[in-house]
Amino acid sequence: MARLRHIAIMVKDLDAATKFYRDVFEFEYAGSETIGAGTANYLTDGVINLALLHFSDKTPEEMAAMAGLNHFGIQVDDVAKYEERINDAGGCFFFELAGSKQGNAERKYKDPEGVVFDVSKHGWTGTDGRVEPEAAE
C-alpha cells in the first residue's frame, strides 16, 4: 500500500521557517542534514515528515523564486513495482539521490505534467513507517 509520508518545501530562512512550524503547529523536530548544496530541517507530526529545504548556493533572489512546495514523497513496499506503474501511467524516472537505500533520500520521478515526487521503501525521519538505516536492505 502506498502512503503519503513526506512533503518538502523550499524556504528563504531555514531557522525562521523551522520556528514557525514548530511554534504554530507544535511539530516535533526530527533532525537536520546536509543535502548537496543545502540543508534540510525535518519536522514531524508523527506520521508525515515535513522537510524544510534551503540551498546555500542560491542567491536570495533565486531562493525567493524557489520558495514553496518542492516535491512530496510516497512510501511503498516495492519501489520496482511502483516504478513500473509510474512508467505505464505516463510518468518517468527523474533521478536518484545518493543514500536512497537508507531513507531521507529517494528515487525521484515526474508525473505526466512534470510534478516531482519521491518514492521510497525506507521512508523519512519521524514517519510512522520509517525503516531505520541499520535495518535497511
C-alpha atoms as a PDB file:
ATOM      1  CA  MET A   1       0.000   0.000   0.000  1.00  0.00           C
ATOM      2  CA  ALA A   2       1.321   3.446  -0.905  1.00  0.00           C
ATOM      3  CA  ARG A   3       1.307   6.054   1.875  1.00  0.00           C
ATOM      4  CA  LEU A   4       1.930   9.805   1.666  1.00  0.00           C
ATOM      5  CA  ARG A   5       4.725  10.386   4.198  1.00  0.00           C
ATOM      6  CA  HIS A   6       6.846  13.343   3.045  1.00  0.00           C
ATOM      7  CA  ILE A   7       6.359  16.934   1.934  1.00  0.00           C
ATOM      8  CA  ALA A   8       9.302  19.192   1.072  1.00  0.00           C
ATOM      9  CA  ILE A   9       9.160  22.959   0.789  1.00  0.00           C
ATOM     10  CA  MET A  10      11.880  25.433  -0.123  1.00  0.00           C
ATOM     11  CA  VAL A  11      12.291  28.219   2.408  1.00  0.00           C
ATOM     12  CA  LYS A  12      14.190  31.508   2.302  1.00  0.00           C
ATOM     13  CA  ASP A  13      15.074  31.467   6.018  1.00  0.00           C
ATOM     14  CA  LEU A  14      15.543  27.963   7.419  1.00  0.00           C
ATOM     15  CA  ASP A  15      15.655  28.949  11.092  1.00  0.00           C
ATOM     16  CA  ALA A  16      12.603  31.207  10.866  1.00  0.00           C
ATOM     17  CA  ALA A  17      10.587  28.607   8.942  1.00  0.00           C
ATOM     18  CA  THR A  18      11.547  25.868  11.398  1.00  0.00           C
ATOM     19  CA  LYS A  19      10.493  28.067  14.323  1.00  0.00           C
ATOM     20  CA  PHE A  20       7.216  28.977  12.614  1.00  0.00           C
ATOM     21  CA  TYR A  21       6.084  25.383  12.003  1.00  0.00           C
ATOM     22  CA  ARG A  22       7.229  24.230  15.452  1.00  0.00           C
ATOM     23  CA  ASP A  23       5.578  27.147  17.287  1.00  0.00           C
ATOM     24  CA  VAL A  24       2.328  27.248  15.332  1.00  0.00           C
ATOM     25  CA  PHE A  25       1.633  23.541  14.802  1.00  0.00           C
ATOM     26  CA  GLU A  26       3.806  22.044  17.566  1.00  0.00           C
ATOM     27  CA  PHE A  27       5.564  19.765  15.079  1.00  0.00           C
ATOM     28  CA  GLU A  28       8.429  17.815  16.610  1.00  0.00           C
ATOM     29  CA  TYR A  29      11.976  18.481  15.417  1.00  0.00           C
ATOM     30  CA  ALA A  30      13.181  15.196  13.881  1.00  0.00           C
ATOM     31  CA  GLY A  31      16.663  16.184  12.718  1.00  0.00           C
ATOM     32  CA  SER A  32      18.724  18.031  10.188  1.00  0.00           C
ATOM     33  CA  GLU A  33      21.087  17.002   7.425  1.00  0.00           C
ATOM     34  CA  THR A  34      23.256  18.472   4.726  1.00  0.00           C
ATOM     35  CA  ILE A  35      21.868  17.685   1.288  1.00  0.00           C
ATOM     36  CA  GLY A  36      24.029  18.627  -1.656  1.00  0.00           C
ATOM     37  CA  ALA A  37      24.398  22.395  -1.597  1.00  0.00           C
ATOM     38  CA  GLY A  38      21.994  22.970   1.245  1.00  0.00           C
ATOM     39  CA  THR A  39      20.387  21.945   4.478  1.00  0.00           C
ATOM     40  CA  ALA A  40      17.156  20.164   5.348  1.00  0.00           C
ATOM     41  CA  ASN A  41      15.451  20.502   8.716  1.00  0.00           C
ATOM     42  CA  TYR A  42      12.955  17.714   9.335  1.00  0.00           C
ATOM     43  CA  LEU A  43       9.792  18.210  11.369  1.00  0.00           C
ATOM     44  CA  THR A  44       7.086  15.641  12.006  1.00  0.00           C
ATOM     45  CA  ASP A  45       3.596  15.181  13.321  1.00  0.00           C
ATOM     46  CA  GLY A  46       4.436  11.516  13.921  1.00  0.00           C
ATOM     47  CA  VAL A  47       3.015  10.388  10.585  1.00  0.00           C
ATOM     48  CA  ILE A  48       4.364  12.745   7.892  1.00  0.00           C
ATOM     49  CA  ASN A  49       7.853  14.220   7.535  1.00  0.00           C
ATOM     50  CA  LEU A  50       7.957  17.930   6.613  1.00  0.00           C
ATOM     51  CA  ALA A  51      11.335  18.784   5.088  1.00  0.00           C
ATOM     52  CA  LEU A  52      12.245  22.461   5.127  1.00  0.00           C
ATOM     53  CA  LEU A  53      14.909  22.929   2.440  1.00  0.00           C
ATOM     54  CA  HIS A  54      17.367  25.779   1.995  1.00  0.00           C
ATOM     55  CA  PHE A  55      20.118  25.782  -0.638  1.00  0.00           C
ATOM     56  CA  SER A  56      23.182  27.801   0.332  1.00  0.00           C
ATOM     57  CA  ASP A  57      24.435  28.011  -3.264  1.00  0.00           C
ATOM     58  CA  LYS A  58      21.434  30.145  -4.318  1.00  0.00           C
ATOM     59  CA  THR A  59      21.154  33.902  -4.161  1.00  0.00           C
ATOM     60  CA  PRO A  60      18.353  35.442  -2.060  1.00  0.00           C
ATOM     61  CA  GLU A  61      16.530  36.215  -5.326  1.00  0.00           C
ATOM     62  CA  GLU A  62      16.826  32.603  -6.513  1.00  0.00           C
ATOM     63  CA  MET A  63      15.596  31.303  -3.157  1.00  0.00           C
ATOM     64  CA  ALA A  64      12.643  33.710  -3.254  1.00  0.00           C
ATOM     65  CA  ALA A  65      11.697  32.376  -6.697  1.00  0.00           C
ATOM     66  CA  MET A  66      12.023  28.768  -5.475  1.00  0.00           C
ATOM     67  CA  ALA A  67      10.122  29.228  -2.199  1.00  0.00           C
ATOM     68  CA  GLY A  68       7.148  26.934  -1.770  1.00  0.00           C
ATOM     69  CA  LEU A  69       6.269  23.328  -2.464  1.00  0.00           C
ATOM     70  CA  ASN A  70       9.232  21.474  -3.971  1.00  0.00           C
ATOM     71  CA  HIS A  71       8.059  17.848  -4.002  1.00  0.00           C
ATOM     72  CA  PHE A  72       6.220  15.210  -1.986  1.00  0.00           C
ATOM     73  CA  GLY A  73       7.090  11.630  -1.119  1.00  0.00           C
ATOM     74  CA  ILE A  74       5.250   8.347  -1.035  1.00  0.00           C
ATOM     75  CA  GLN A  75       6.437   5.303   0.886  1.00  0.00           C
ATOM     76  CA  VAL A  76       5.817   1.948  -0.812  1.00  0.00           C
ATOM     77  CA  ASP A  77       6.679  -1.663  -0.077  1.00  0.00           C
ATOM     78  CA  ASP A  78       8.182  -2.361  -3.534  1.00  0.00           C
ATOM     79  CA  VAL A  79       9.835   0.506  -5.426  1.00  0.00           C
ATOM     80  CA  ALA A  80      10.333  -1.516  -8.634  1.00  0.00           C
ATOM     81  CA  LYS A  81       6.624  -2.394  -8.781  1.00  0.00           C
ATOM     82  CA  TYR A  82       5.610   1.235  -8.421  1.00  0.00           C
ATOM     83  CA  GLU A  83       8.228   2.408 -10.916  1.00  0.00           C
ATOM     84  CA  GLU A  84       6.631   0.115 -13.491  1.00  0.00           C
ATOM     85  CA  ARG A  85       3.203   1.521 -12.642  1.00  0.00           C
ATOM     86  CA  ILE A  86       4.537   5.098 -12.889  1.00  0.00           C
ATOM     87  CA  ASN A  87       6.004   4.423 -16.328  1.00  0.00           C
ATOM     88  CA  ASP A  88       2.848   2.653 -17.536  1.00  0.00           C
ATOM     89  CA  ALA A  89       0.767   5.675 -16.494  1.00  0.00           C
ATOM     90  CA  GLY A  90       2.966   8.191 -18.352  1.00  0.00           C
ATOM     91  CA  GLY A  91       5.312   9.227 -15.549  1.00  0.00           C
ATOM     92  CA  CYS A  92       9.088   8.879 -15.685  1.00  0.00           C
ATOM     93  CA  PHE A  93      12.180   8.420 -13.555  1.00  0.00           C
ATOM     94  CA  PHE A  94      13.900  11.752 -12.790  1.00  0.00           C
ATOM     95  CA  PHE A  95      16.972  10.910 -10.660  1.00  0.00           C
ATOM     96  CA  GLU A  96      18.151   9.113  -7.544  1.00  0.00           C
ATOM     97  CA  LEU A  97      19.807  10.836  -4.608  1.00  0.00           C
ATOM     98  CA  ALA A  98      22.873   9.240  -3.032  1.00  0.00           C
ATOM     99  CA  GLY A  99      21.942   7.188   0.016  1.00  0.00           C
ATOM    100  CA  SER A 100      18.488   6.308  -1.262  1.00  0.00           C
ATOM    101  CA  LYS A 101      18.652   2.870   0.356  1.00  0.00           C
ATOM    102  CA  GLN A 102      18.958   4.496   3.798  1.00  0.00           C
ATOM    103  CA  GLY A 103      15.895   6.748   3.825  1.00  0.00           C
ATOM    104  CA  ASN A 104      15.562  10.562   3.718  1.00  0.00           C
ATOM    105  CA  ALA A 105      16.894  10.299   0.158  1.00  0.00           C
ATOM    106  CA  GLU A 106      14.801   8.919  -2.595  1.00  0.00           C
ATOM    107  CA  ARG A 107      14.245   7.926  -6.186  1.00  0.00           C
ATOM    108  CA  LYS A 108      12.611  10.921  -7.798  1.00  0.00           C
ATOM    109  CA  TYR A 109      10.032  10.756 -10.562  1.00  0.00           C
ATOM    110  CA  LYS A 110       7.906  13.160 -12.562  1.00  0.00           C
ATOM    111  CA  ASP A 111       4.227  12.720 -13.262  1.00  0.00           C
ATOM    112  CA  PRO A 112       2.935  13.364 -16.812  1.00  0.00           C
ATOM    113  CA  GLU A 113       2.674  17.105 -16.038  1.00  0.00           C
ATOM    114  CA  GLY A 114       6.228  17.344 -14.693  1.00  0.00           C
ATOM    115  CA  VAL A 115       5.396  17.420 -10.966  1.00  0.00           C
ATOM    116  CA  VAL A 116       8.284  15.915  -8.963  1.00  0.00           C
ATOM    117  CA  PHE A 117       7.640  13.250  -6.332  1.00  0.00           C
ATOM    118  CA  ASP A 118       9.718  10.720  -4.401  1.00  0.00           C
ATOM    119  CA  VAL A 119       9.150   7.012  -3.983  1.00  0.00           C
ATOM    120  CA  SER A 120      10.872   5.386  -1.008  1.00  0.00           C
ATOM    121  CA  LYS A 121      10.805   1.958   0.592  1.00  0.00           C
ATOM    122  CA  HIS A 122      12.525   3.110   3.775  1.00  0.00           C
ATOM    123  CA  GLY A 123      10.646   6.325   4.478  1.00  0.00           C
ATOM    124  CA  TRP A 124      11.628   9.522   6.257  1.00  0.00           C
ATOM    125  CA  THR A 125      12.720  10.568   9.727  1.00  0.00           C
ATOM    126  CA  GLY A 126       9.760  10.989  12.056  1.00  0.00           C
ATOM    127  CA  THR A 127       7.251   8.992   9.996  1.00  0.00           C
ATOM    128  CA  ASP A 128       5.281   6.059  11.301  1.00  0.00           C
ATOM    129  CA  GLY A 129       6.523   3.638   8.620  1.00  0.00           C
ATOM    130  CA  ARG A 130      10.233   4.531   8.755  1.00  0.00           C
ATOM    131  CA  VAL A 131      12.751   1.704   8.392  1.00  0.00           C
ATOM    132  CA  GLU A 132      15.914   2.826  10.184  1.00  0.00           C
ATOM    133  CA  PRO A 133      19.210   2.598   8.253  1.00  0.00           C
ATOM    134  CA  GLU A 134      20.602  -0.297  10.310  1.00  0.00           C
ATOM    135  CA  ALA A 135      17.526  -2.321   9.321  1.00  0.00           C
ATOM    136  CA  ALA A 136      17.560  -1.137   5.694  1.00  0.00           C
ATOM    137  CA  GLU A 137      18.494  -3.534   2.917  1.00  0.00           C
END
